Amino acid sequence: MSRFPLTHIHESATIAENVKIDSFASIGRNVKIGEGTWIGSNVVIYSNVTIGKNCKIFPGAVIGADPQDLKYAGEDTFVEIGDNVMIRECCTINKGTKAYGKTVVESNTLLMAYVHVAHDCHVKKNCIIANAVNLAGHVIIGEHVGIGGMTAIQQFVNIGSHSYITGGSLVRKNVPPYVKAAREPLSYVGVNRIGLERRGFTLEAINRIQDIYRILFVKGWSISKAIDYINTNFDSCPERDQILEFIGNSEKGLMRGFQSIIDAE
């Protein structure tokens, strides 16, 4: 009798001994599934997908389907899922294209129902992405990011670590680390103080982050003037350096500051 009755599992798939796969799931070529993982009924996992240990994949999820990119020509590309990842009902995670080669969801991340992760995205560790969030291609989500439901993120956008984006947002520009983002157009509305406290950031570090973002987003200065001021008046520390590095690499541009919204009104 089959170990997994009423399932379709390709002969090249590698499945750890204590994996549970429910009826009517389909597992494709060159799929690897780590110990303790559960695959729910009617899940479809296409070729070249690696899933780590102790993951939970709920019914109706589709992982490793071809990219929705007209440039994709059938090349072998991949999806990598880390350990302890929870993928709720009807999520879709597309494989990469030759541009990056893979789509990645790192460990300890929760994707709630109907989340779409497009080709070549990279979702880093410990993220919580709520229902019906849509990531277009090549989006990078930093560690410990929270994204509210029904949010849409444009292609090539980067979301900095420890940030929070409120539900229903339209994200067209990069969101730097440690911030809360809301409004339309998406704007800085403060530092993600509660999230930082939960993760053990000291009051001194949180206040330093807040002081930096006052310079960047509240004073109404140009980004170049704000960066010059921060470099001169703030000592090097992990938080300052991460913020400045993120901004320096933001070719896509940054979301708007609070002061620019007031001026526009």
Protein backbone atom coordinates (compact mmCIF):
# COMPACT_ATOMS: atom_id res chain seq x y z
CA MET A 1 0.00 0.00 0.00
CA SER A 2 1.25 3.48 -0.87
CA ARG A 3 2.71 5.54 1.95
CA PHE A 4 0.62 8.47 0.65
CA PRO A 5 -2.66 7.13 -0.76
CA LEU A 6 -4.60 9.22 -3.27
CA THR A 7 -1.63 11.50 -3.95
CA HIS A 8 0.57 11.99 -7.02
CA ILE A 9 4.27 12.04 -6.16
CA HIS A 10 6.98 12.11 -8.83
CA GLU A 11 9.54 9.36 -8.49
CA SER A 12 12.39 11.88 -8.24
CA ALA A 13 10.89 13.63 -5.19
CA THR A 14 12.79 13.31 -1.89
CA ILE A 15 10.51 13.19 1.13
CA ALA A 16 11.69 12.81 4.73
CA GLU A 17 10.36 9.87 6.74
CA ASN A 18 8.00 11.75 9.03
CA VAL A 19 6.39 14.04 6.42
CA LYS A 20 2.59 13.90 6.22
CA ILE A 21 0.93 14.42 2.84
CA ASP A 22 -2.88 14.45 2.69
CA SER A 23 -5.02 13.06 -0.11
CA PHE A 24 -5.15 14.66 -3.55
CA ALA A 25 -1.86 16.54 -3.19
CA SER A 26 0.50 16.58 -6.18
CA ILE A 27 4.29 16.60 -5.76
CA GLY A 28 6.43 17.22 -8.85
CA ARG A 29 9.90 16.48 -10.16
CA ASN A 30 12.96 17.25 -8.03
CA VAL A 31 10.94 18.31 -4.99
CA LYS A 32 12.58 17.98 -1.56
CA ILE A 33 10.50 18.08 1.63
CA GLY A 34 12.12 18.22 5.06
CA GLU A 35 11.30 16.43 8.29
CA GLY A 36 8.07 17.12 10.15
CA THR A 37 6.40 19.02 7.30
CA TRP A 38 2.70 18.67 6.58
CA ILE A 39 1.26 19.07 3.08
CA GLY A 40 -2.52 19.55 3.07
CA SER A 41 -5.02 18.14 0.61
CA ASN A 42 -5.17 19.61 -2.91
CA VAL A 43 -1.77 21.28 -2.57
CA VAL A 44 0.19 21.38 -5.84
CA ILE A 45 3.98 21.54 -5.67
CA TYR A 46 5.60 21.75 -9.10
CA SER A 47 9.18 20.87 -10.01
CA ASN A 48 12.40 22.18 -8.40
CA VAL A 49 10.93 23.13 -5.03
CA THR A 50 12.78 22.68 -1.73
CA ILE A 51 10.75 22.85 1.48
CA GLY A 52 12.43 22.80 4.89
CA LYS A 53 11.57 21.17 8.18
CA ASN A 54 8.36 21.52 10.18
CA CYS A 55 6.48 23.54 7.59
CA LYS A 56 2.70 23.58 7.30
CA ILE A 57 1.18 24.02 3.85
CA PHE A 58 -2.60 24.31 3.89
CA PRO A 59 -5.08 23.07 1.26
CA GLY A 60 -5.15 24.75 -2.12
CA ALA A 61 -1.65 26.27 -2.05
CA VAL A 62 0.30 26.16 -5.33
CA ILE A 63 4.09 26.32 -5.10
CA GLY A 64 6.59 26.39 -7.95
CA ALA A 65 4.29 27.18 -10.87
CA ASP A 66 5.84 28.90 -13.88
CA PRO A 67 6.47 32.64 -13.51
CA GLN A 68 3.81 34.98 -14.85
CA ASP A 69 6.50 36.64 -16.95
CA LEU A 70 6.39 36.58 -20.73
CA LYS A 71 10.20 36.45 -20.87
CA TYR A 72 10.21 33.06 -19.13
CA ALA A 73 11.21 30.44 -21.70
CA GLY A 74 10.93 27.24 -19.68
CA GLU A 75 14.40 27.33 -18.13
CA ASP A 76 14.97 25.33 -14.94
CA THR A 77 14.41 27.67 -12.01
CA PHE A 78 13.59 27.09 -8.35
CA VAL A 79 11.62 27.84 -5.20
CA GLU A 80 13.26 27.57 -1.77
CA ILE A 81 11.16 27.47 1.42
CA GLY A 82 12.93 27.54 4.80
CA ASP A 83 12.09 25.79 8.08
CA ASN A 84 8.97 26.42 10.17
CA VAL A 85 7.18 28.26 7.39
CA MET A 86 3.37 28.33 7.45
CA ILE A 87 1.65 28.76 4.09
CA ARG A 88 -2.11 29.15 4.45
CA GLU A 89 -4.93 28.29 2.07
CA CYS A 90 -4.63 29.16 -1.62
CA CYS A 91 -1.25 30.91 -1.47
CA THR A 92 0.74 30.95 -4.71
CA ILE A 93 4.54 31.05 -4.89
CA ASN A 94 5.97 31.14 -8.42
CA LYS A 95 9.43 29.88 -9.33
CA GLY A 96 12.17 32.28 -10.42
CA THR A 97 13.31 33.37 -13.86
CA LYS A 98 16.81 33.39 -15.30
CA ALA A 99 17.23 36.92 -13.90
CA TYR A 100 17.66 35.58 -10.34
CA GLY A 101 16.95 31.89 -10.73
CA LYS A 102 14.83 31.32 -7.65
CA THR A 103 12.08 32.59 -5.40
CA VAL A 104 12.87 32.35 -1.68
CA VAL A 105 10.76 32.35 1.49
CA GLU A 106 13.04 32.06 4.51
CA SER A 107 12.40 30.36 7.85
CA ASN A 108 9.76 31.21 10.48
CA THR A 109 7.59 33.16 8.07
CA LEU A 110 3.79 33.14 7.93
CA LEU A 111 1.98 33.67 4.65
CA MET A 112 -1.74 34.02 5.34
CA ALA A 113 -4.46 32.91 2.92
CA TYR A 114 -4.33 34.04 -0.71
CA VAL A 115 -0.88 35.64 -0.54
CA HIS A 116 0.87 35.74 -3.94
CA VAL A 117 4.67 35.68 -4.09
CA ALA A 118 5.79 36.28 -7.68
CA HIS A 119 8.95 35.20 -9.47
CA ASP A 120 12.36 36.10 -8.04
CA CYS A 121 11.00 37.50 -4.77
CA HIS A 122 12.97 37.05 -1.56
CA VAL A 123 11.05 37.03 1.70
CA LYS A 124 13.51 36.91 4.59
CA LYS A 125 13.15 35.37 8.06
CA ASN A 126 10.38 35.94 10.61
CA CYS A 127 7.94 37.84 8.40
CA ILE A 128 4.16 37.94 8.80
CA ILE A 129 2.33 38.65 5.55
CA ALA A 130 -1.43 38.92 5.97
CA ASN A 131 -4.30 37.78 3.76
CA ALA A 132 -4.36 38.59 0.05
CA VAL A 133 -1.07 40.52 -0.04
CA ASN A 134 0.38 40.52 -3.57
CA LEU A 135 4.12 40.72 -4.22
CA ALA A 136 5.08 41.46 -7.83
CA GLY A 137 8.34 40.14 -9.27
CA HIS A 138 11.75 40.81 -7.71
CA VAL A 139 10.40 42.19 -4.43
CA ILE A 140 12.71 41.87 -1.39
CA ILE A 141 11.17 41.75 2.08
CA GLY A 142 13.62 42.17 4.98
CA GLU A 143 13.57 40.24 8.26
CA HIS A 144 10.78 40.73 10.84
CA VAL A 145 8.52 42.62 8.44
CA GLY A 146 4.75 42.80 8.98
CA ILE A 147 2.45 43.54 6.04
CA GLY A 148 -1.28 44.13 6.50
CA GLY A 149 -3.87 42.40 4.35
CA MET A 150 -4.82 43.44 0.80
CA THR A 151 -1.51 45.27 0.28
CA ALA A 152 -0.02 45.34 -3.24
CA ILE A 153 3.73 45.74 -3.72
CA GLN A 154 5.14 46.83 -7.07
CA GLN A 155 7.96 44.96 -8.80
CA PHE A 156 11.57 45.58 -7.69
CA VAL A 157 10.51 47.26 -4.44
CA ASN A 158 12.53 46.60 -1.26
CA ILE A 159 10.99 46.57 2.21
CA GLY A 160 13.48 47.17 5.03
CA SER A 161 13.77 44.91 8.08
CA HIS A 162 11.58 45.49 11.15
CA SER A 163 9.14 47.67 9.22
CA TYR A 164 5.35 47.49 9.24
CA ILE A 165 3.01 48.34 6.34
CA THR A 166 -0.63 48.93 7.13
CA GLY A 167 -3.33 46.93 5.35
CA GLY A 168 -4.66 48.00 1.97
CA SER A 169 -1.50 49.89 1.04
CA LEU A 170 -0.17 50.42 -2.47
CA VAL A 171 3.63 50.16 -2.26
CA ARG A 172 5.38 51.77 -5.23
CA LYS A 173 8.62 52.89 -3.56
CA ASN A 174 11.12 51.36 -1.16
CA VAL A 175 10.22 51.31 2.53
CA PRO A 176 13.28 51.74 4.79
CA PRO A 177 13.91 49.64 7.92
CA TYR A 178 12.30 50.16 11.34
CA VAL A 179 9.38 52.31 10.16
CA LYS A 180 5.59 52.22 10.01
CA ALA A 181 4.14 53.06 6.60
CA ALA A 182 0.55 54.08 5.83
CA ARG A 183 -1.62 56.63 3.92
CA GLU A 184 -2.01 57.09 0.16
CA PRO A 185 0.47 57.70 -1.32
CA LEU A 186 2.40 55.48 1.09
CA SER A 187 4.26 57.59 3.63
CA TYR A 188 6.29 57.51 6.80
CA VAL A 189 4.00 57.63 9.86
CA GLY A 190 6.51 56.82 12.59
CA VAL A 191 8.92 54.22 13.90
CA ASN A 192 7.72 50.66 14.49
CA ARG A 193 8.33 51.08 18.21
CA ILE A 194 6.11 48.23 19.42
CA GLY A 195 7.70 45.74 17.04
CA LEU A 196 11.20 46.85 18.05
CA GLU A 197 10.39 46.57 21.75
CA ARG A 198 9.07 43.04 21.23
CA ARG A 199 12.34 42.07 19.58
CA GLY A 200 14.52 43.38 22.38
CA PHE A 201 15.71 46.72 21.01
CA THR A 202 16.77 49.03 23.82
CA LEU A 203 15.02 52.33 24.48
CA GLU A 204 18.27 54.08 23.54
CA ALA A 205 18.36 52.33 20.14
CA ILE A 206 14.68 53.03 19.43
CA ASN A 207 15.07 56.72 20.30
CA ARG A 208 18.15 56.91 18.08
CA ILE A 209 16.21 55.41 15.17
CA GLN A 210 13.40 57.92 15.77
CA ASP A 211 15.84 60.84 15.82
CA ILE A 212 17.33 59.69 12.50
CA TYR A 213 13.92 59.47 10.84
CA ARG A 214 12.95 62.91 12.12
CA ILE A 215 15.87 64.23 10.11
CA LEU A 216 15.04 62.13 7.05
CA PHE A 217 11.28 62.41 6.90
CA VAL A 218 9.90 65.14 9.20
CA LYS A 219 12.13 68.19 8.69
CA GLY A 220 11.32 68.40 4.99
CA TRP A 221 14.96 68.39 3.93
CA SER A 222 16.24 66.76 0.76
CA ILE A 223 17.51 63.23 1.24
CA SER A 224 21.08 64.27 0.41
CA LYS A 225 21.03 67.09 2.99
CA ALA A 226 19.52 64.76 5.61
CA ILE A 227 22.16 62.09 4.97
CA ASP A 228 24.98 64.62 5.28
CA TYR A 229 23.56 65.79 8.60
CA ILE A 230 23.16 62.22 9.91
CA ASN A 231 26.70 61.27 8.92
CA THR A 232 28.05 64.33 10.73
CA ASN A 233 25.90 64.28 13.86
CA PHE A 234 25.16 60.60 14.58
CA ASP A 235 27.86 58.15 15.59
CA SER A 236 28.13 54.91 13.66
CA CYS A 237 25.94 52.13 15.08
CA PRO A 238 24.15 49.13 13.54
CA GLU A 239 20.81 50.94 13.22
CA ARG A 240 22.22 54.12 11.69
CA ASP A 241 24.45 52.21 9.30
CA GLN A 242 21.62 49.91 8.16
CA ILE A 243 19.33 52.87 7.45
CA LEU A 244 22.00 54.71 5.46
CA GLU A 245 22.99 51.58 3.52
CA PHE A 246 19.36 50.92 2.61
CA ILE A 247 18.85 54.47 1.39
CA GLY A 248 22.10 54.40 -0.56
CA ASN A 249 20.92 51.29 -2.42
CA SER A 250 17.39 52.57 -3.10
CA GLU A 251 17.49 53.09 -6.84
CA LYS A 252 13.72 52.60 -6.88
CA GLY A 253 13.35 55.68 -4.64
CA LEU A 254 11.88 56.01 -1.15
CA MET A 255 8.32 56.41 0.02
CA ARG A 256 7.30 59.93 0.96
CA GLY A 257 8.06 61.62 4.23
CA PHE A 258 5.44 62.97 6.61
CA GLN A 259 6.36 66.60 5.96
CA SER A 260 5.92 66.25 2.18
CA ILE A 261 2.35 65.03 2.74
CA ILE A 262 1.55 68.09 4.91
CA ASP A 263 3.02 70.42 2.28
CA ALA A 264 0.99 68.74 -0.48
CA GLU A 265 -2.23 69.26 1.47
